[in-house]
């Protein structure tokens, strides 16, 4: 076991010189820990604070890295300064660590301030913070079993063009699962991003002042999101139908996801993301949207969309040219909202779904072109001028002219 311990961040300060290299690095070691110190990297090029290459059960606690050039905390299976030699990297943990002011990223071969990459297994980042850094703040790149817990990525200087949390990896020989528990992204192009073969799970998270709160980009596997809030997200996407505050190019399961003060639509349409998939996208229960939700656009995205126990407040379900799309809406609420669509393979609204409006001129379900394959049953409509212009009305449909108010 190797342990290096200072007397506290800001009290023990290591000042890097102008030479390349990390302040601390280890190859093929076990139980190596750095604790309670600050590393000032303002003068050193490229490499920054800590690099664990092929290490096991190692890490850092209460370490603050300032002004690194292009890397800060790195965990990989590739050994440092050893050519292409690799070793197993497993069960490394970083707790209560911070990075601020990292200056560069990929243009010099740099890395995210906090990164698990290159087959590093079961890496954990707990209660870590990245502030005003260039690049994706936290990254899992083909690193199976990565967990980010209670971490914060924040940018205080406008909107960073990067991601707060990102995961990727196109390799087929690793089960790349990444989990974010109670993490928050503030001020990024993408709050949380999942791409390629990463299997992303977001639990109790939040994105604030991000353009995309969550982005699934060409992702193959299902993204799972539970208890998530997107706040003030979507700026610059107000005019698009194919991108949004929440946007996915593949299947997703969401529960208790809420958008607040959203500036753009949400898109499950996968426009430009590849061919449609047979995988089902599940929205709800407990989800709540304040802007439109696009479920299909030009036959992309999931072919089956189930909306169950979801509330729409001022935002509509929309689709366009979804001839392969099947939509099922169950036990949901539309408050000053509705369904607006053009062409769909099949749509069914049922199981106690409720539409309520204060605008007596509105039609709840507006269908155009040849979008006539919609059936409404066991649903109530309060305050609307008309239930629908083209949908088929089945049993259990009740319409009242007086709005009763949401319950």
Protein backbone atom coordinates (compact mmCIF):
# COMPACT_ATOMS: atom_id res chain seq x y z
CA UNK A 1 0.00 0.00 0.00
CA UNK A 2 1.22 3.50 -0.86
CA UNK A 3 -0.39 6.52 0.83
CA UNK A 4 0.51 10.18 0.32
CA UNK A 5 -1.39 12.56 2.60
CA UNK A 6 -1.23 16.31 2.94
CA UNK A 7 -2.63 18.53 5.67
CA UNK A 8 -5.63 19.66 3.61
CA UNK A 9 -6.55 21.29 0.30
CA UNK A 10 -5.19 24.83 0.22
CA UNK A 11 -2.75 24.02 3.02
CA UNK A 12 -0.57 21.46 1.26
CA UNK A 13 -0.03 22.79 -2.28
CA UNK A 14 2.11 21.09 -4.90
CA UNK A 15 3.12 23.52 -7.65
CA UNK A 16 3.98 21.87 -10.95
CA UNK A 17 6.96 23.11 -12.95
CA UNK A 18 7.04 23.67 -16.71
CA UNK A 19 7.88 20.06 -17.56
CA UNK A 20 5.40 17.56 -18.97
CA UNK A 21 4.18 14.67 -16.85
CA UNK A 22 1.71 14.06 -14.05
CA UNK A 23 2.20 15.15 -10.47
CA UNK A 24 1.39 11.58 -9.42
CA UNK A 25 1.22 8.52 -11.61
CA UNK A 26 1.29 4.79 -11.00
CA UNK A 27 1.37 1.73 -13.25
CA UNK A 28 0.14 -1.72 -12.24
CA UNK A 29 -0.12 -0.89 -8.54
CA UNK A 30 -2.64 -1.75 -5.86
CA UNK A 31 -3.88 0.40 -2.96
CA UNK A 32 -2.27 3.69 -3.98
CA UNK A 33 -4.00 6.73 -2.44
CA UNK A 34 -3.46 10.50 -2.57
CA UNK A 35 -5.29 12.58 0.06
CA UNK A 36 -5.79 16.10 1.36
CA UNK A 37 -3.78 18.32 -0.95
CA UNK A 38 -3.93 20.78 -3.85
CA UNK A 39 -2.04 20.43 -7.13
CA UNK A 40 -1.46 23.67 -9.06
CA UNK A 41 -0.73 22.80 -12.69
CA UNK A 42 -0.80 26.28 -14.20
CA UNK A 43 2.76 26.08 -15.60
CA UNK A 44 2.83 22.46 -16.80
CA UNK A 45 1.87 21.48 -20.39
CA UNK A 46 -0.55 18.69 -21.40
CA UNK A 47 -0.52 16.35 -18.39
CA UNK A 48 -1.90 17.46 -15.06
CA UNK A 49 -2.60 15.86 -11.72
CA UNK A 50 -3.10 12.09 -11.32
CA UNK A 51 -2.87 9.13 -13.71
CA UNK A 52 -3.56 5.57 -12.60
CA UNK A 53 -2.62 3.12 -15.37
CA UNK A 54 -3.64 -0.49 -14.83
CA UNK A 55 -4.08 0.05 -11.09
CA UNK A 56 -6.47 -1.71 -8.72
CA UNK A 57 -8.28 -0.49 -5.59
CA UNK A 58 -6.51 2.86 -5.73
CA UNK A 59 -7.73 6.45 -5.84
CA UNK A 60 -7.77 9.89 -4.28
CA UNK A 61 -9.72 11.72 -1.59
CA UNK A 62 -10.01 15.47 -1.04
CA UNK A 63 -7.60 16.40 -3.84
CA UNK A 64 -8.06 19.72 -5.69
CA UNK A 65 -6.42 20.15 -9.11
CA UNK A 66 -6.17 23.71 -10.42
CA UNK A 67 -5.55 25.00 -13.96
CA UNK A 68 -4.33 21.81 -15.58
CA UNK A 69 -3.55 22.12 -19.27
CA UNK A 70 -5.31 19.11 -20.81
CA UNK A 71 -5.84 16.38 -18.17
CA UNK A 72 -6.50 16.18 -14.45
CA UNK A 73 -7.79 12.84 -13.06
CA UNK A 74 -7.25 9.86 -15.39
CA UNK A 75 -7.97 6.15 -14.86
CA UNK A 76 -7.16 3.73 -17.69
CA UNK A 77 -5.85 0.25 -18.35
CA UNK A 78 -3.09 1.71 -20.54
CA UNK A 79 0.14 2.24 -18.64
CA UNK A 80 1.69 5.69 -18.58
CA UNK A 81 4.82 6.13 -20.73
CA UNK A 82 4.90 2.41 -21.53
CA UNK A 83 3.91 2.36 -25.18
CA UNK A 84 0.75 0.36 -25.75
CA UNK A 85 1.16 -1.89 -22.73
CA UNK A 86 -2.05 -2.49 -20.76
CA UNK A 87 -3.00 -3.99 -17.42
CA UNK A 88 -6.26 -4.54 -15.55
CA UNK A 89 -7.74 -1.39 -14.04
CA UNK A 90 -10.43 -2.20 -11.47
CA UNK A 91 -12.24 -0.76 -8.43
CA UNK A 92 -10.52 2.63 -8.31
CA UNK A 93 -12.33 5.34 -6.33
CA UNK A 94 -12.10 9.14 -6.30
CA UNK A 95 -13.97 10.93 -3.51
CA UNK A 96 -14.46 14.61 -2.67
CA UNK A 97 -12.11 15.71 -5.45
CA UNK A 98 -12.30 18.95 -7.44
CA UNK A 99 -10.99 20.29 -10.72
CA UNK A 100 -11.17 23.91 -11.84
CA UNK A 101 -9.87 25.74 -14.88
CA UNK A 102 -8.63 22.91 -17.11
CA UNK A 103 -7.58 24.76 -20.26
CA UNK A 104 -7.62 22.42 -23.25
CA UNK A 105 -9.14 19.20 -24.50
CA UNK A 106 -8.88 16.98 -27.58
CA UNK A 107 -6.90 19.39 -29.74
CA UNK A 108 -3.73 18.40 -27.85
CA UNK A 109 -4.70 14.84 -27.04
CA UNK A 110 -6.23 15.96 -23.79
CA UNK A 111 -8.84 14.22 -21.67
CA UNK A 112 -11.87 15.10 -19.61
CA UNK A 113 -11.05 16.50 -16.15
CA UNK A 114 -12.52 13.32 -14.63
CA UNK A 115 -12.24 10.31 -16.93
CA UNK A 116 -12.42 6.54 -16.73
CA UNK A 117 -11.36 5.16 -20.09
CA UNK A 118 -9.80 2.29 -21.99
CA UNK A 119 -11.48 -0.71 -20.32
CA UNK A 120 -11.05 0.61 -16.79
CA UNK A 121 -13.58 -1.38 -14.77
CA UNK A 122 -15.80 -0.41 -11.84
CA UNK A 123 -14.39 3.10 -11.37
CA UNK A 124 -16.27 5.34 -8.95
CA UNK A 125 -16.32 9.13 -8.73
CA UNK A 126 -18.13 10.25 -5.58
CA UNK A 127 -18.92 13.82 -4.48
CA UNK A 128 -16.56 15.28 -7.10
CA UNK A 129 -16.89 18.74 -8.72
CA UNK A 130 -15.62 20.13 -12.02
CA UNK A 131 -15.84 23.91 -12.48
CA UNK A 132 -15.19 26.01 -15.61
CA UNK A 133 -13.13 23.43 -17.48
CA UNK A 134 -12.64 23.00 -21.22
CA UNK A 135 -14.00 19.64 -22.41
CA UNK A 136 -16.59 17.18 -21.16
CA UNK A 137 -16.34 17.51 -17.39
CA UNK A 138 -16.94 13.84 -16.50
CA UNK A 139 -16.43 11.03 -19.02
CA UNK A 140 -16.73 7.27 -19.20
CA UNK A 141 -15.14 6.04 -22.44
CA UNK A 142 -15.50 2.30 -22.90
CA UNK A 143 -15.10 1.86 -19.15
CA UNK A 144 -17.60 -0.76 -17.93
CA UNK A 145 -19.19 -0.30 -14.54
CA UNK A 146 -18.35 3.40 -14.14
CA UNK A 147 -20.41 5.10 -11.42
CA UNK A 148 -20.69 8.86 -10.86
CA UNK A 149 -22.38 9.58 -7.53
CA UNK A 150 -23.32 13.03 -6.17
CA UNK A 151 -21.04 14.73 -8.71
CA UNK A 152 -21.47 18.27 -10.05
CA UNK A 153 -20.36 19.64 -13.41
CA UNK A 154 -20.75 23.39 -13.58
CA UNK A 155 -19.85 26.16 -15.97
CA UNK A 156 -20.25 29.69 -14.69
CA UNK A 157 -19.19 31.46 -17.92
CA UNK A 158 -22.17 31.12 -20.23
CA UNK A 159 -22.86 27.80 -21.96
CA UNK A 160 -19.93 25.43 -22.40
CA UNK A 161 -19.89 23.79 -25.87
CA UNK A 162 -19.13 20.46 -24.19
CA UNK A 163 -21.00 18.01 -21.95
CA UNK A 164 -21.28 17.94 -18.21
CA UNK A 165 -21.39 14.13 -18.21
CA UNK A 166 -20.63 12.01 -21.27
CA UNK A 167 -20.34 8.29 -22.01
CA UNK A 168 -19.23 6.59 -25.20
CA UNK A 169 -17.41 3.59 -26.59
CA UNK A 170 -17.97 1.70 -29.83
CA UNK A 171 -16.08 -1.43 -28.77
CA UNK A 172 -18.14 -4.63 -28.87
CA UNK A 173 -16.07 -6.61 -26.35
CA UNK A 174 -17.00 -4.72 -23.19
CA UNK A 175 -20.29 -4.43 -21.32
CA UNK A 176 -20.06 -0.67 -20.95
CA UNK A 177 -22.54 0.29 -18.25
CA UNK A 178 -22.41 3.75 -16.72
CA UNK A 179 -24.55 5.06 -13.86
CA UNK A 180 -25.13 8.61 -12.66
CA UNK A 181 -26.61 8.82 -9.15
CA UNK A 182 -27.79 12.24 -7.95
CA UNK A 183 -25.53 14.18 -10.31
CA UNK A 184 -26.09 17.70 -11.63
CA UNK A 185 -24.93 19.55 -14.76
CA UNK A 186 -25.12 23.35 -15.00
CA UNK A 187 -24.40 25.39 -18.13
CA UNK A 188 -23.42 22.89 -20.86
CA UNK A 189 -24.27 22.11 -24.48
CA UNK A 190 -25.24 18.65 -23.20
CA UNK A 191 -26.01 17.94 -19.58
CA UNK A 192 -25.90 14.14 -19.76
CA UNK A 193 -24.92 12.32 -22.96
CA UNK A 194 -25.03 8.65 -23.94
CA UNK A 195 -23.65 7.47 -27.27
CA UNK A 196 -22.60 4.38 -29.20
CA UNK A 197 -22.61 1.19 -27.08
CA UNK A 198 -22.78 2.78 -23.65
CA UNK A 199 -25.65 1.61 -21.43
CA UNK A 200 -26.67 4.68 -19.47
CA UNK A 201 -28.65 4.87 -16.23
CA UNK A 202 -29.55 8.26 -14.70
CA UNK A 203 -31.06 8.32 -11.21
CA UNK A 204 -32.18 11.41 -9.32
CA UNK A 205 -30.30 13.84 -11.56
CA UNK A 206 -30.71 17.42 -12.71
CA UNK A 207 -29.64 19.55 -15.66
CA UNK A 208 -29.91 23.33 -15.43
CA UNK A 209 -29.29 25.93 -18.15
CA UNK A 210 -28.14 23.26 -20.60
CA UNK A 211 -29.13 23.14 -24.27
CA UNK A 212 -29.76 19.37 -24.23
CA UNK A 213 -30.53 18.25 -20.69
CA UNK A 214 -30.13 14.62 -21.80
CA UNK A 215 -28.96 13.55 -25.25
CA UNK A 216 -28.94 10.00 -26.61
CA UNK A 217 -26.75 10.18 -29.72
CA UNK A 218 -26.70 7.13 -32.01
CA UNK A 219 -27.06 5.00 -28.90
CA UNK A 220 -27.71 1.31 -29.45
CA UNK A 221 -28.92 0.30 -26.00
CA UNK A 222 -31.81 1.52 -23.87
CA UNK A 223 -31.24 4.56 -21.68
CA UNK A 224 -32.98 4.44 -18.30
CA UNK A 225 -33.87 7.68 -16.49
CA UNK A 226 -35.68 7.92 -13.16
CA UNK A 227 -36.40 11.01 -11.04
CA UNK A 228 -34.77 13.66 -13.22
CA UNK A 229 -35.42 17.39 -13.66
CA UNK A 230 -34.49 19.50 -16.69
CA UNK A 231 -34.62 23.18 -15.73
CA UNK A 232 -34.30 26.15 -18.11
CA UNK A 233 -32.99 23.91 -20.89
CA UNK A 234 -33.39 24.04 -24.67
CA UNK A 235 -32.06 27.50 -25.54
CA UNK A 236 -31.24 27.91 -29.29
CA UNK A 237 -33.46 24.91 -30.15
CA UNK A 238 -36.75 26.81 -30.10
CA UNK A 239 -37.34 26.48 -33.85
CA UNK A 240 -36.43 22.81 -34.36
CA UNK A 241 -38.74 19.79 -34.38
CA UNK A 242 -35.95 17.22 -34.38
CA UNK A 243 -33.82 18.22 -31.40
CA UNK A 244 -34.83 19.27 -27.94
CA UNK A 245 -34.22 19.66 -24.24
CA UNK A 246 -34.59 15.89 -23.97
CA UNK A 247 -33.57 14.17 -27.20
CA UNK A 248 -32.93 10.54 -28.11
CA UNK A 249 -32.01 8.57 -31.22
CA UNK A 250 -32.85 5.20 -29.69
CA UNK A 251 -34.98 3.57 -26.99
CA UNK A 252 -35.43 5.13 -23.57
CA UNK A 253 -37.42 4.34 -20.42
CA UNK A 254 -38.35 7.36 -18.31
CA UNK A 255 -40.16 7.70 -15.02
CA UNK A 256 -40.60 10.78 -12.83
CA UNK A 257 -38.87 13.00 -15.40
CA UNK A 258 -39.91 16.64 -15.30
CA UNK A 259 -39.16 19.65 -17.51
CA UNK A 260 -39.42 23.12 -15.94
CA UNK A 261 -39.29 26.48 -17.76
CA UNK A 262 -38.24 24.63 -20.90
CA UNK A 263 -37.33 26.74 -23.93
CA UNK A 264 -37.70 24.09 -26.65
CA UNK A 265 -39.52 20.89 -27.49
CA UNK A 266 -38.46 17.40 -26.49
CA UNK A 267 -37.66 14.95 -29.26
CA UNK A 268 -37.93 11.19 -29.30
CA UNK A 269 -38.00 11.30 -33.08
CA UNK A 270 -34.43 10.20 -33.89
CA UNK A 271 -34.34 12.45 -36.94
CA UNK A 272 -31.02 11.84 -38.65
CA UNK A 273 -30.14 9.27 -36.02
CA UNK A 274 -30.55 6.20 -38.21
CA UNK A 275 -33.36 3.85 -39.05
CA UNK A 276 -36.28 3.29 -36.70
CA UNK A 277 -36.02 0.59 -34.07
CA UNK A 278 -38.45 -2.08 -32.88
CA UNK A 279 -37.45 -1.27 -29.29
CA UNK A 280 -40.23 0.38 -27.31
CA UNK A 281 -39.81 3.82 -25.76
CA UNK A 282 -41.67 4.18 -22.45
CA UNK A 283 -42.58 7.61 -21.08
CA UNK A 284 -43.95 7.53 -17.54
CA UNK A 285 -45.22 7.06 -14.94
CA UNK A 286 -44.81 10.35 -13.13
CA UNK A 287 -43.31 12.29 -16.03
CA UNK A 288 -44.36 15.91 -16.57
CA UNK A 289 -43.65 18.11 -19.59
CA UNK A 290 -44.20 21.84 -20.08
CA UNK A 291 -43.31 21.81 -23.81
CA UNK A 292 -44.17 19.63 -26.82
CA UNK A 293 -42.95 16.05 -27.11
CA UNK A 294 -42.19 14.86 -30.66
CA UNK A 295 -42.49 11.06 -30.86
CA UNK A 296 -41.81 10.55 -34.56
CA UNK A 297 -40.53 12.54 -37.49
CA UNK A 298 -40.12 11.05 -40.96
CA UNK A 299 -40.34 7.44 -39.72
CA UNK A 300 -37.41 7.57 -37.34
CA UNK A 301 -37.11 6.76 -33.66
CA UNK A 302 -38.83 3.95 -31.80
CA UNK A 303 -41.69 2.33 -33.67
CA UNK A 304 -43.58 1.76 -30.42
CA UNK A 305 -44.14 4.62 -27.98
CA UNK A 306 -46.03 4.07 -24.72
CA UNK A 307 -47.05 7.11 -22.67
CA UNK A 308 -48.33 5.97 -19.28
CA UNK A 309 -49.20 8.15 -16.29
CA UNK A 310 -47.66 11.28 -17.79
CA UNK A 311 -48.82 14.91 -17.46
CA UNK A 312 -48.57 17.46 -20.27
CA UNK A 313 -48.94 21.08 -19.13
CA UNK A 314 -49.13 23.35 -22.14
CA UNK A 315 -47.13 20.98 -24.33
CA UNK A 316 -48.56 18.56 -26.90
CA UNK A 317 -47.69 15.13 -28.18
CA UNK A 318 -46.69 15.64 -31.82
CA UNK A 319 -45.75 13.40 -34.72
CA UNK A 320 -45.17 13.78 -38.43
CA UNK A 321 -44.97 11.08 -41.11
CA UNK A 322 -44.83 8.27 -38.57
CA UNK A 323 -46.26 5.57 -40.82
CA UNK A 324 -44.33 2.93 -38.85
CA UNK A 325 -45.07 4.39 -35.41
CA UNK A 326 -47.50 2.88 -32.90
CA UNK A 327 -48.55 5.19 -30.07
CA UNK A 328 -50.33 4.09 -26.89
CA UNK A 329 -51.45 6.74 -24.37
CA UNK A 330 -52.73 5.45 -21.03
CA UNK A 331 -53.84 7.07 -17.80
CA UNK A 332 -52.29 10.44 -18.68
CA UNK A 333 -53.32 14.10 -18.30
CA UNK A 334 -53.33 16.84 -20.91
CA UNK A 335 -53.78 20.26 -19.29
CA UNK A 336 -54.23 23.00 -21.91
CA UNK A 337 -52.55 20.49 -24.18
CA UNK A 338 -53.45 17.87 -26.77
CA UNK A 339 -52.25 15.56 -29.53
CA UNK A 340 -51.30 16.98 -32.94
CA UNK A 341 -50.29 14.58 -35.66
CA UNK A 342 -49.94 13.88 -39.33
CA UNK A 343 -49.79 10.22 -40.41
CA UNK A 344 -49.25 7.38 -37.97
CA UNK A 345 -49.50 3.62 -38.24
CA UNK A 346 -51.70 3.32 -35.16
CA UNK A 347 -52.60 5.46 -32.18
CA UNK A 348 -54.75 4.59 -29.16
CA UNK A 349 -55.77 6.87 -26.29
CA UNK A 350 -57.35 4.99 -23.40
CA UNK A 351 -57.37 3.90 -19.73
CA UNK A 352 -58.64 7.05 -18.03
CA UNK A 353 -56.67 9.61 -20.01
CA UNK A 354 -57.97 13.10 -19.28
CA UNK A 355 -57.90 16.27 -21.39
CA UNK A 356 -58.63 19.62 -19.68
CA UNK A 357 -58.49 23.13 -21.16
CA UNK A 358 -59.49 26.71 -20.41
CA UNK A 359 -59.66 27.49 -24.16
CA UNK A 360 -63.12 26.54 -25.40
CA UNK A 361 -62.07 26.94 -29.05
CA UNK A 362 -59.55 24.10 -29.01
CA UNK A 363 -59.75 20.62 -30.52
CA UNK A 364 -58.07 18.09 -28.23
CA UNK A 365 -56.81 15.64 -30.87
CA UNK A 366 -55.96 17.31 -34.18
CA UNK A 367 -55.10 15.01 -37.05
CA UNK A 368 -54.18 15.97 -40.61
CA UNK A 369 -53.20 14.34 -43.90
CA UNK A 370 -54.16 10.65 -43.79
CA UNK A 371 -53.63 10.26 -40.05
CA UNK A 372 -56.91 8.48 -39.35
CA UNK A 373 -55.69 5.36 -37.53
CA UNK A 374 -56.40 6.79 -34.09
CA UNK A 375 -58.90 5.38 -31.60
CA UNK A 376 -60.07 7.14 -28.43
CA UNK A 377 -61.78 5.22 -25.64
CA UNK A 378 -62.30 5.43 -21.88
CA UNK A 379 -61.13 9.06 -21.80
CA UNK A 380 -62.62 12.38 -20.69
CA UNK A 381 -62.50 15.82 -22.33
CA UNK A 382 -63.33 18.97 -20.38
CA UNK A 383 -63.70 22.44 -21.88
CA UNK A 384 -62.76 21.63 -25.48
CA UNK A 385 -64.81 22.75 -28.45
CA UNK A 386 -64.26 19.36 -30.06
CA UNK A 387 -62.73 16.03 -29.07
CA UNK A 388 -61.17 15.33 -32.47
CA UNK A 389 -61.49 16.03 -36.16
CA UNK A 390 -60.61 12.57 -37.45
CA UNK A 391 -60.04 10.00 -34.69
CA UNK A 392 -62.47 7.16 -34.10
CA UNK A 393 -64.41 7.42 -30.84
CA UNK A 394 -64.91 4.15 -29.00
CA UNK A 395 -66.67 3.35 -25.74
CA UNK A 396 -66.22 5.31 -22.55
CA UNK A 397 -65.55 8.72 -24.13
CA UNK A 398 -67.05 11.58 -22.12
CA UNK A 399 -67.05 15.26 -23.10
CA UNK A 400 -68.15 18.18 -20.94
CA UNK A 401 -68.20 21.82 -21.92
CA UNK A 402 -67.33 23.05 -18.45
CA UNK A 403 -63.78 22.72 -17.26
CA UNK A 404 -63.68 20.91 -13.92
CA UNK A 405 -60.02 21.69 -13.22
CA UNK A 406 -57.09 19.31 -12.91
CA UNK A 407 -57.20 16.74 -10.18
